[in-house]
Amino acid sequence: MPEQASSSESTKSVTPPPIDNTNSKKTVLLPAAPSHSPLKITRMMIGDTLTQFKMAPEYFVPDDQESVSKDIIYQDGNVDEQSYITVARYRTMMGEPTDFKNKPLQLGANSVETLILTLNKFSQHFDGELNFSKNDIPFQYSSQRAVCGMADFGSILILLADIIPTAKFEFQMKNFDYDELAQSRDAMEKFALDFCAAICGILQCEPDYIRLFSIEKSKDELKMLNLTFGLTTPVLDETEKLAKNLQVQYVKQCEYECKWKTIIEYFNIQKPDLDPRYNFDYRKPGVSKQESRGNEPYYLPIGWYRHGLKVDNKYAGDIAWLGRVNAEGEWPVAFHGTNKNAVLGITQEGLLASKSARDIMKDEAIKQMGEEADRPGIYLATHCNDGADKYADSFTFPIRTEESATFQVVFQCRVQPRKFTRHTGVVTTGEAWRFVDESAIRPYGILLKEIV
């Protein structure tokens, strides 16, 4: 691990310079921050292979989220638990009940609870979270707290101006045993804080600019850790400069994870809908081109990057469909190309026949399946490349100041066997599969590819 910065270097206070906000063409002057000091760990969730962290300034006293969560009474039906937990934390601070059956969520244009949920969504864009405290915290320090990954009511204008981006990095460390660290909370905490201090020492930056998000046990090598951390400053140019220095010297930048505002966030997808455990880079060397799933050929999407969707809470009691050994109950893989405006809806609701623009193989499908196919159809392709990508509109995304890139987006799905008809006239490679039963399609990954 690199040497730690001296105390004199890591505790100096700097007043942020003016910021040129290119969107509004106005100069935004952030208030001076209080004295900088290393962040403390406010929450540490240690798992068998992954430990996640929440960090905050030393002076901040967080609310007890675990205690609040235990006392919540949810409304009947399917609910977004995270939204209820966020509002329950606010209600607890205000001395209000967290029984949402008797007092439902107060949603509306003039509702404080709506504002809280919106602000929490904003904070997630830079890997922060909304915090509640009974402490007297000066409003003018909101910018410094936002840099530390903490959102509050003082952060609204700062976040709307989009002037506090976070650069995310992954760092691999050999000769460290995750299982050994995970046995002791003290050991894990010390390791995390030492790592943050070491990165600050390398960059000679303020100690509250570095936040550790997670430590994961490597799947590829024994005694190796994968650390994900963020670099945030009050000034976009400074963040970019420090990130570039760090990338050049020590750290391999994650091509999709390290955008100033990640592409996934661009789609407004919420973190509870994602499962980073199943992210996969099909661009790396050595990935096989063809395998088999559900007794059908599986043509891997070479050249794409997958963001895993959280599906283990959607199909309770059914895990065979995601198998990889062609066992009974396993579903084949297929792909659906789409446009940027449809991504959020598909993530939340699945693929809907009512959204299909064209249904040109309907007559052929009826010949194969009979009258059951005489309904609006949804099309997926057996191939992502030269298949589904032909139906994926390209879009431009700003990845850095004055720099943009063009991407395509495709959904990776599992599909129920014997629930589709086969067609070749609408794709150049492989087959197109037509479905009339929406429940026979289960998206489990969002594929992204940069068009060079």
Protein backbone atom coordinates (compact mmCIF):
# COMPACT_ATOMS: atom_id res chain seq x y z
CA MET A 1 0.00 0.00 0.00
CA PRO A 2 1.39 3.48 -0.83
CA GLU A 3 2.72 5.68 1.95
CA GLN A 4 0.25 7.71 3.98
CA ALA A 5 0.35 11.50 3.74
CA SER A 6 1.66 13.43 6.72
CA SER A 7 -0.89 15.08 9.00
CA SER A 8 0.16 18.55 7.89
CA GLU A 9 -0.52 17.67 4.27
CA SER A 10 -3.84 15.94 4.87
CA THR A 11 -5.60 18.45 7.11
CA LYS A 12 -5.06 21.80 5.43
CA SER A 13 -8.22 23.75 4.56
CA VAL A 14 -8.81 25.08 1.07
CA THR A 15 -11.55 27.39 -0.12
CA PRO A 16 -12.87 26.03 -3.44
CA PRO A 17 -12.35 28.39 -6.42
CA PRO A 18 -15.23 29.57 -8.64
CA ILE A 19 -16.73 26.96 -10.92
CA ASP A 20 -17.70 27.52 -14.53
CA ASN A 21 -20.97 25.65 -14.96
CA THR A 22 -21.05 24.99 -18.71
CA ASN A 23 -24.78 24.28 -18.68
CA SER A 24 -25.85 27.65 -17.30
CA LYS A 25 -22.79 29.63 -18.43
CA LYS A 26 -22.72 31.24 -14.99
CA THR A 27 -20.05 31.18 -12.32
CA VAL A 28 -21.04 29.20 -9.24
CA LEU A 29 -19.11 29.99 -6.07
CA LEU A 30 -19.39 27.27 -3.44
CA PRO A 31 -19.16 28.30 0.22
CA ALA A 32 -15.94 27.67 2.08
CA ALA A 33 -15.78 24.24 3.68
CA PRO A 34 -15.05 23.63 7.35
CA SER A 35 -11.66 22.22 8.27
CA HIS A 36 -11.04 19.05 6.25
CA SER A 37 -10.46 15.81 8.11
CA PRO A 38 -10.54 12.12 7.12
CA LEU A 39 -13.98 10.61 6.73
CA LYS A 40 -15.21 8.07 9.23
CA ILE A 41 -17.12 4.88 8.49
CA THR A 42 -20.74 5.22 9.56
CA ARG A 43 -21.97 1.88 8.25
CA MET A 44 -20.09 -1.27 7.30
CA MET A 45 -21.93 -4.29 5.92
CA ILE A 46 -19.63 -7.34 5.95
CA GLY A 47 -20.68 -10.29 3.80
CA ASP A 48 -19.10 -13.59 2.81
CA THR A 49 -17.46 -12.11 -0.30
CA LEU A 50 -18.34 -8.40 -0.24
CA THR A 51 -18.12 -5.59 2.31
CA GLN A 52 -19.88 -2.29 1.61
CA PHE A 53 -19.14 1.02 3.31
CA LYS A 54 -20.85 4.33 4.01
CA MET A 55 -18.60 7.20 5.03
CA ALA A 56 -19.25 10.68 6.44
CA PRO A 57 -17.37 13.64 7.95
CA GLU A 58 -16.05 13.16 11.47
CA TYR A 59 -18.50 15.65 12.98
CA PHE A 60 -21.59 13.95 11.57
CA VAL A 61 -23.75 11.70 13.79
CA PRO A 62 -25.88 9.45 11.54
CA ASP A 63 -29.33 8.14 12.31
CA ASP A 64 -29.85 4.47 13.17
CA GLN A 65 -31.14 3.03 9.89
CA GLU A 66 -31.28 -0.57 11.09
CA SER A 67 -33.43 0.32 14.09
CA VAL A 68 -35.80 2.40 11.95
CA SER A 69 -36.16 -0.39 9.38
CA LYS A 70 -37.31 -2.89 12.01
CA ASP A 71 -40.25 -0.70 13.10
CA ILE A 72 -41.72 0.02 9.65
CA ILE A 73 -45.22 -1.23 8.83
CA TYR A 74 -45.53 -1.32 5.04
CA GLN A 75 -48.59 -0.77 2.91
CA ASP A 76 -50.12 -3.89 1.39
CA GLY A 77 -48.96 -5.06 -2.03
CA ASN A 78 -45.63 -4.79 -3.82
CA VAL A 79 -43.70 -1.84 -2.44
CA ASP A 80 -40.31 -0.27 -3.00
CA GLU A 81 -38.91 -0.93 0.46
CA GLN A 82 -36.00 1.47 0.05
CA SER A 83 -38.34 4.42 -0.54
CA TYR A 84 -40.28 3.56 2.61
CA ILE A 85 -37.08 3.23 4.63
CA THR A 86 -35.88 6.66 3.45
CA VAL A 87 -39.15 8.36 4.41
CA ALA A 88 -39.32 6.39 7.67
CA ARG A 89 -35.93 7.78 8.68
CA TYR A 90 -37.25 11.29 8.09
CA ARG A 91 -40.45 10.59 10.04
CA THR A 92 -38.47 9.14 12.93
CA MET A 93 -36.41 12.32 13.14
CA MET A 94 -39.63 14.34 13.17
CA GLY A 95 -41.22 12.10 15.83
CA GLU A 96 -43.86 10.81 13.42
CA PRO A 97 -45.09 7.19 13.14
CA THR A 98 -43.67 4.83 10.52
CA ASP A 99 -46.93 2.91 10.11
CA PHE A 100 -47.57 3.40 6.39
CA LYS A 101 -50.86 1.51 6.53
CA ASN A 102 -52.42 4.18 8.71
CA LYS A 103 -50.42 7.05 7.22
CA PRO A 104 -49.42 6.29 3.60
CA LEU A 105 -46.57 7.99 1.79
CA GLN A 106 -47.40 11.66 1.30
CA LEU A 107 -46.70 12.16 -2.40
CA GLY A 108 -47.45 15.29 -4.38
CA ALA A 109 -45.99 18.47 -5.82
CA ASN A 110 -45.92 20.23 -2.43
CA SER A 111 -45.03 17.22 -0.29
CA VAL A 112 -41.86 17.18 1.81
CA GLU A 113 -41.74 13.39 1.49
CA THR A 114 -41.68 13.70 -2.31
CA LEU A 115 -38.80 16.16 -1.99
CA ILE A 116 -36.94 13.73 0.27
CA LEU A 117 -37.29 10.86 -2.22
CA THR A 118 -36.17 13.12 -5.07
CA LEU A 119 -33.15 14.35 -3.14
CA ASN A 120 -32.21 10.78 -2.25
CA LYS A 121 -32.30 9.91 -5.95
CA PHE A 122 -30.04 12.87 -6.70
CA SER A 123 -27.56 11.82 -4.04
CA GLN A 124 -27.31 8.33 -5.55
CA HIS A 125 -26.01 9.87 -8.77
CA PHE A 126 -22.69 10.49 -7.04
CA ASP A 127 -22.79 7.37 -4.85
CA GLY A 128 -24.02 9.27 -1.84
CA GLU A 129 -27.10 8.87 0.30
CA LEU A 130 -29.56 11.12 2.05
CA ASN A 131 -28.75 11.61 5.71
CA PHE A 132 -30.80 12.76 8.68
CA SER A 133 -29.43 14.25 11.88
CA LYS A 134 -30.70 16.17 14.89
CA ASN A 135 -27.36 17.96 15.06
CA ASP A 136 -27.11 21.66 14.26
CA ILE A 137 -25.25 21.53 10.93
CA PRO A 138 -24.60 24.89 9.19
CA PHE A 139 -26.35 25.29 5.84
CA GLN A 140 -23.28 26.85 4.21
CA TYR A 141 -21.34 23.59 4.58
CA SER A 142 -23.69 21.70 2.26
CA SER A 143 -21.14 21.68 -0.55
CA GLN A 144 -18.52 20.03 1.64
CA ARG A 145 -21.01 17.41 2.80
CA ALA A 146 -22.04 16.74 -0.81
CA VAL A 147 -18.40 16.14 -1.70
CA CYS A 148 -18.31 13.59 1.13
CA GLY A 149 -21.27 11.76 -0.38
CA MET A 150 -23.92 13.22 1.95
CA ALA A 151 -27.00 14.94 0.58
CA ASP A 152 -29.22 17.32 2.55
CA PHE A 153 -31.67 20.11 1.79
CA GLY A 154 -28.75 22.45 1.23
CA SER A 155 -27.51 20.22 -1.60
CA ILE A 156 -30.48 20.74 -3.92
CA LEU A 157 -29.10 23.61 -5.99
CA ILE A 158 -25.62 22.10 -6.06
CA LEU A 159 -26.92 18.76 -7.34
CA LEU A 160 -29.26 20.37 -9.86
CA ALA A 161 -26.31 22.32 -11.26
CA ASP A 162 -24.49 18.99 -11.71
CA ILE A 163 -21.18 20.46 -10.56
CA ILE A 164 -20.09 17.75 -8.11
CA PRO A 165 -19.27 14.61 -10.11
CA THR A 166 -17.60 11.51 -8.71
CA ALA A 167 -14.90 9.55 -10.52
CA LYS A 168 -15.09 5.85 -9.63
CA PHE A 169 -12.16 3.46 -9.72
CA GLU A 170 -11.42 -0.18 -9.10
CA PHE A 171 -8.19 -1.17 -7.41
CA GLN A 172 -6.83 -4.71 -7.12
CA MET A 173 -4.61 -5.61 -4.18
CA LYS A 174 -2.73 -8.88 -3.93
CA ASN A 175 -1.56 -10.74 -0.84
CA PHE A 176 -4.57 -9.74 1.26
CA ASP A 177 -6.95 -12.41 2.56
CA TYR A 178 -10.59 -11.25 2.51
CA ASP A 179 -11.75 -14.04 4.82
CA GLU A 180 -9.19 -13.01 7.41
CA LEU A 181 -10.21 -9.34 7.23
CA ALA A 182 -13.91 -10.20 7.42
CA GLN A 183 -13.45 -12.02 10.74
CA SER A 184 -12.83 -8.73 12.56
CA ARG A 185 -14.80 -5.50 12.17
CA ASP A 186 -11.87 -3.58 13.65
CA ALA A 187 -9.43 -5.08 11.14
CA MET A 188 -11.75 -4.36 8.21
CA GLU A 189 -12.33 -0.78 9.35
CA LYS A 190 -8.61 -0.11 9.87
CA PHE A 191 -7.78 -1.53 6.45
CA ALA A 192 -10.44 0.65 4.79
CA LEU A 193 -9.33 3.86 6.50
CA ASP A 194 -5.65 3.14 5.80
CA PHE A 195 -6.47 2.62 2.12
CA CYS A 196 -8.30 5.98 1.89
CA ALA A 197 -5.41 7.72 3.64
CA ALA A 198 -2.93 6.11 1.25
CA ILE A 199 -4.81 7.32 -1.85
CA CYS A 200 -5.01 10.82 -0.36
CA GLY A 201 -1.27 10.66 0.21
CA ILE A 202 -0.63 9.74 -3.41
CA LEU A 203 -2.76 12.60 -4.71
CA GLN A 204 -1.88 15.11 -1.98
CA CYS A 205 -5.59 15.95 -1.82
CA GLU A 206 -7.95 16.76 1.03
CA PRO A 207 -8.69 13.66 3.13
CA ASP A 208 -12.47 13.95 2.68
CA TYR A 209 -12.23 13.71 -1.12
CA ILE A 210 -11.77 9.91 -1.07
CA ARG A 211 -14.58 7.48 -0.21
CA LEU A 212 -14.31 3.71 -0.18
CA PHE A 213 -17.48 2.02 -1.47
CA SER A 214 -16.68 -1.68 -1.26
CA ILE A 215 -14.09 -4.41 -0.77
CA GLU A 216 -14.77 -7.64 -2.63
CA LYS A 217 -13.09 -11.02 -2.54
CA SER A 218 -11.61 -11.75 -5.95
CA LYS A 219 -13.26 -14.55 -7.91
CA ASP A 220 -10.16 -15.04 -10.05
CA GLU A 221 -7.28 -15.30 -7.61
CA LEU A 222 -6.70 -16.29 -4.00
CA LYS A 223 -5.64 -13.57 -1.57
CA MET A 224 -6.63 -10.72 -3.86
CA LEU A 225 -9.10 -7.92 -3.16
CA ASN A 226 -11.12 -5.76 -5.52
CA LEU A 227 -11.67 -2.32 -4.00
CA THR A 228 -14.10 0.23 -5.45
CA PHE A 229 -13.67 3.83 -4.36
CA GLY A 230 -14.66 7.32 -5.42
CA LEU A 231 -12.87 10.63 -5.86
CA THR A 232 -15.02 13.75 -5.42
CA THR A 233 -14.02 17.40 -5.17
CA PRO A 234 -16.10 20.60 -5.24
CA VAL A 235 -14.54 21.50 -8.61
CA LEU A 236 -15.05 19.48 -11.79
CA ASP A 237 -11.68 20.42 -13.28
CA GLU A 238 -9.89 19.42 -10.08
CA THR A 239 -11.70 16.07 -9.98
CA GLU A 240 -10.70 15.38 -13.58
CA LYS A 241 -7.08 16.37 -12.97
CA LEU A 242 -6.72 14.22 -9.84
CA ALA A 243 -8.50 11.29 -11.48
CA LYS A 244 -6.20 11.45 -14.48
CA ASN A 245 -3.13 11.56 -12.25
CA LEU A 246 -4.35 8.58 -10.27
CA GLN A 247 -5.20 6.61 -13.39
CA VAL A 248 -1.82 7.25 -14.98
CA GLN A 249 0.15 6.36 -11.85
CA TYR A 250 -1.62 3.52 -10.13
CA VAL A 251 -5.20 2.64 -10.94
CA LYS A 252 -6.94 1.07 -13.89
CA GLN A 253 -10.05 3.10 -14.61
CA CYS A 254 -13.30 1.17 -14.98
CA GLU A 255 -14.51 2.15 -18.43
CA TYR A 256 -18.19 2.15 -17.58
CA GLU A 257 -18.02 2.55 -13.81
CA CYS A 258 -15.80 5.63 -13.95
CA LYS A 259 -17.85 8.04 -16.02
CA TRP A 260 -18.56 11.30 -14.25
CA LYS A 261 -22.21 10.44 -14.34
CA THR A 262 -22.55 6.77 -15.20
CA ILE A 263 -24.55 5.70 -18.20
CA ILE A 264 -26.83 3.61 -16.02
CA GLU A 265 -27.69 6.72 -14.00
CA TYR A 266 -28.36 8.49 -17.31
CA PHE A 267 -31.28 6.07 -17.73
CA ASN A 268 -32.54 7.01 -14.21
CA ILE A 269 -32.35 3.38 -13.11
CA GLN A 270 -32.32 3.08 -9.32
CA LYS A 271 -29.71 1.07 -7.43
CA PRO A 272 -32.27 -1.41 -6.01
CA ASP A 273 -32.97 -2.48 -9.62
CA LEU A 274 -29.32 -3.40 -10.21
CA ASP A 275 -27.18 -6.29 -9.03
CA PRO A 276 -23.49 -5.43 -9.57
CA ARG A 277 -22.49 -8.97 -8.62
CA TYR A 278 -23.52 -9.99 -12.12
CA ASN A 279 -21.83 -7.21 -14.06
CA PHE A 280 -19.66 -8.77 -16.73
CA ASP A 281 -17.19 -7.46 -19.29
CA TYR A 282 -17.56 -9.33 -22.59
CA ARG A 283 -14.77 -7.17 -24.06
CA LYS A 284 -11.99 -8.87 -22.14
CA PRO A 285 -9.88 -11.53 -23.86
CA GLY A 286 -10.61 -15.21 -23.43
CA VAL A 287 -14.42 -15.01 -23.34
CA SER A 288 -15.93 -17.92 -25.26
CA LYS A 289 -18.03 -17.02 -28.29
CA GLN A 290 -20.65 -19.74 -27.98
CA GLU A 291 -22.08 -21.86 -25.18
CA SER A 292 -25.48 -23.41 -24.46
CA ARG A 293 -28.37 -22.40 -22.22
CA GLY A 294 -31.71 -24.18 -21.94
CA ASN A 295 -30.63 -26.60 -24.69
CA GLU A 296 -30.35 -23.74 -27.18
CA PRO A 297 -27.14 -22.18 -28.53
CA TYR A 298 -26.02 -19.13 -26.54
CA TYR A 299 -24.06 -16.63 -28.62
CA LEU A 300 -22.19 -14.44 -26.16
CA PRO A 301 -22.33 -10.65 -26.73
CA ILE A 302 -18.62 -10.16 -27.42
CA GLY A 303 -17.57 -6.51 -27.21
CA TRP A 304 -20.34 -5.46 -24.80
CA TYR A 305 -20.46 -4.72 -21.06
CA ARG A 306 -23.30 -6.08 -18.91
CA HIS A 307 -24.87 -4.35 -15.93
CA GLY A 308 -26.68 -7.05 -13.96
CA LEU A 309 -30.35 -6.50 -13.09
CA LYS A 310 -31.70 -7.60 -9.73
CA VAL A 311 -34.04 -10.51 -10.44
CA ASP A 312 -33.79 -12.72 -7.35
CA ASN A 313 -36.69 -10.82 -5.75
CA LYS A 314 -38.97 -10.98 -8.81
CA TYR A 315 -39.44 -14.70 -9.30
CA ALA A 316 -39.64 -16.15 -5.80
CA GLY A 317 -38.90 -19.85 -5.55
CA ASP A 318 -37.80 -20.15 -9.18
CA ILE A 319 -34.04 -20.27 -9.72
CA ALA A 320 -33.70 -22.96 -12.39
CA TRP A 321 -34.45 -20.52 -15.23
CA LEU A 322 -31.07 -18.81 -14.76
CA GLY A 323 -29.10 -22.05 -14.84
CA ARG A 324 -25.99 -22.64 -16.94
CA VAL A 325 -25.93 -26.43 -17.38
CA ASN A 326 -28.96 -27.10 -19.63
CA ALA A 327 -30.86 -28.63 -16.73
CA GLU A 328 -34.63 -29.01 -16.61
CA GLY A 329 -36.35 -25.65 -16.14
CA GLU A 330 -33.44 -23.65 -17.59
CA TRP A 331 -34.35 -20.90 -20.07
CA PRO A 332 -32.36 -19.99 -23.22
CA VAL A 333 -30.73 -16.58 -23.77
CA ALA A 334 -31.95 -13.99 -26.29
CA PHE A 335 -31.40 -10.28 -26.89
CA HIS A 336 -33.60 -7.24 -27.45
CA GLY A 337 -32.22 -4.01 -28.91
CA THR A 338 -33.92 -0.79 -27.90
CA ASN A 339 -33.49 2.97 -27.52
CA LYS A 340 -32.40 5.07 -24.56
CA ASN A 341 -35.94 6.25 -23.76
CA ALA A 342 -37.24 2.70 -23.31
CA VAL A 343 -34.58 1.43 -20.91
CA LEU A 344 -36.19 2.55 -17.65
CA GLY A 345 -39.62 1.19 -18.59
CA ILE A 346 -38.25 -2.21 -19.64
CA THR A 347 -36.19 -2.42 -16.44
CA GLN A 348 -39.24 -1.78 -14.28
CA GLU A 349 -42.03 -3.46 -16.26
CA GLY A 350 -40.37 -5.90 -18.64
CA LEU A 351 -40.92 -6.13 -22.39
CA LEU A 352 -44.49 -5.25 -23.34
CA ALA A 353 -46.21 -6.20 -26.59
CA SER A 354 -48.10 -2.91 -26.56
CA LYS A 355 -44.78 -1.08 -27.05
CA SER A 356 -43.79 -3.00 -30.19
CA ALA A 357 -43.71 -0.73 -33.21
CA ARG A 358 -43.78 -3.42 -35.92
CA ASP A 359 -45.02 -7.00 -36.10
CA ILE A 360 -44.02 -8.06 -39.59
CA MET A 361 -43.71 -11.82 -38.94
CA LYS A 362 -47.16 -12.27 -37.42
CA ASP A 363 -48.61 -14.26 -40.34
CA GLU A 364 -45.63 -16.61 -40.36
CA ALA A 365 -45.96 -17.03 -36.59
CA ILE A 366 -49.63 -18.01 -36.90
CA LYS A 367 -48.64 -20.70 -39.40
CA GLN A 368 -46.17 -22.11 -36.87
CA MET A 369 -48.17 -21.78 -33.65
CA GLY A 370 -51.77 -21.41 -34.72
CA GLU A 371 -54.33 -18.91 -33.45
CA GLU A 372 -52.45 -18.48 -30.18
CA ALA A 373 -49.95 -16.37 -32.12
CA ASP A 374 -52.67 -14.04 -33.42
CA ARG A 375 -51.77 -11.37 -30.89
CA PRO A 376 -49.23 -8.51 -30.83
CA GLY A 377 -45.70 -9.91 -30.78
CA ILE A 378 -42.38 -9.10 -29.11
CA TYR A 379 -39.16 -9.90 -30.96
CA LEU A 380 -35.80 -11.02 -29.57
CA ALA A 381 -32.70 -12.20 -31.42
CA THR A 382 -30.45 -15.17 -30.81
CA HIS A 383 -27.44 -12.94 -31.52
CA CYS A 384 -26.59 -9.59 -29.97
CA ASN A 385 -24.03 -8.73 -32.66
CA ASP A 386 -25.58 -8.50 -36.13
CA GLY A 387 -28.91 -9.32 -34.54
CA ALA A 388 -30.43 -7.30 -31.72
CA ASP A 389 -27.93 -4.47 -32.21
CA LYS A 390 -29.55 -3.69 -35.58
CA TYR A 391 -32.62 -2.58 -33.62
CA ALA A 392 -30.67 -0.64 -30.98
CA ASP A 393 -30.64 3.10 -31.63
CA SER A 394 -27.35 4.84 -30.91
CA PHE A 395 -27.22 7.73 -28.46
CA THR A 396 -24.60 10.23 -27.36
CA PHE A 397 -23.55 10.48 -23.73
CA PRO A 398 -21.25 13.10 -22.10
CA ILE A 399 -18.40 11.22 -20.43
CA ARG A 400 -16.19 14.16 -19.48
CA THR A 401 -16.07 17.91 -19.84
CA GLU A 402 -16.40 18.72 -23.55
CA GLU A 403 -16.13 15.03 -24.45
CA SER A 404 -18.93 12.68 -25.50
CA ALA A 405 -19.19 9.11 -26.72
CA THR A 406 -21.80 7.15 -28.68
CA PHE A 407 -23.36 3.97 -27.28
CA GLN A 408 -25.96 1.31 -28.01
CA VAL A 409 -28.09 -0.53 -25.46
CA VAL A 410 -29.46 -4.08 -25.64
CA PHE A 411 -31.31 -6.15 -23.03
CA GLN A 412 -30.00 -9.62 -22.28
CA CYS A 413 -32.92 -11.91 -21.46
CA ARG A 414 -33.84 -15.45 -20.59
CA VAL A 415 -36.87 -16.77 -22.47
CA GLN A 416 -39.23 -19.64 -21.73
CA PRO A 417 -38.79 -22.66 -24.01
CA ARG A 418 -41.59 -23.54 -26.45
CA LYS A 419 -43.18 -20.11 -26.01
CA PHE A 420 -41.89 -18.57 -29.23
CA THR A 421 -41.85 -18.95 -32.99
CA ARG A 422 -38.67 -18.84 -35.08
CA HIS A 423 -37.95 -16.44 -37.96
CA THR A 424 -34.97 -15.53 -40.12
CA GLY A 425 -36.30 -12.74 -42.30
CA VAL A 426 -35.79 -9.91 -39.82
CA VAL A 427 -32.17 -10.51 -38.74
CA THR A 428 -28.95 -10.91 -40.70
CA THR A 429 -27.44 -13.50 -38.35
CA GLY A 430 -29.17 -16.31 -36.46
CA GLU A 431 -32.88 -16.21 -35.70
CA ALA A 432 -35.50 -13.83 -34.38
CA TRP A 433 -37.86 -15.30 -31.79
CA ARG A 434 -41.39 -13.93 -31.57
CA PHE A 435 -43.36 -14.02 -28.29
CA VAL A 436 -46.96 -13.18 -27.45
CA ASP A 437 -46.67 -14.03 -23.74
CA GLU A 438 -44.88 -11.19 -21.95
CA SER A 439 -44.23 -13.36 -18.87
CA ALA A 440 -42.12 -15.70 -21.03
CA ILE A 441 -39.38 -13.02 -21.27
CA ARG A 442 -37.19 -12.13 -18.28
CA PRO A 443 -34.57 -9.38 -18.78
CA TYR A 444 -31.59 -9.95 -16.49
CA GLY A 445 -28.90 -7.66 -17.88
CA ILE A 446 -28.41 -4.34 -19.67
CA LEU A 447 -25.70 -4.50 -22.32
CA LEU A 448 -23.81 -1.38 -23.37
CA LYS A 449 -21.35 -0.90 -26.19
CA GLU A 450 -19.41 2.16 -27.24
CA ILE A 451 -19.59 2.82 -30.97
CA VAL A 452 -16.18 3.92 -32.17
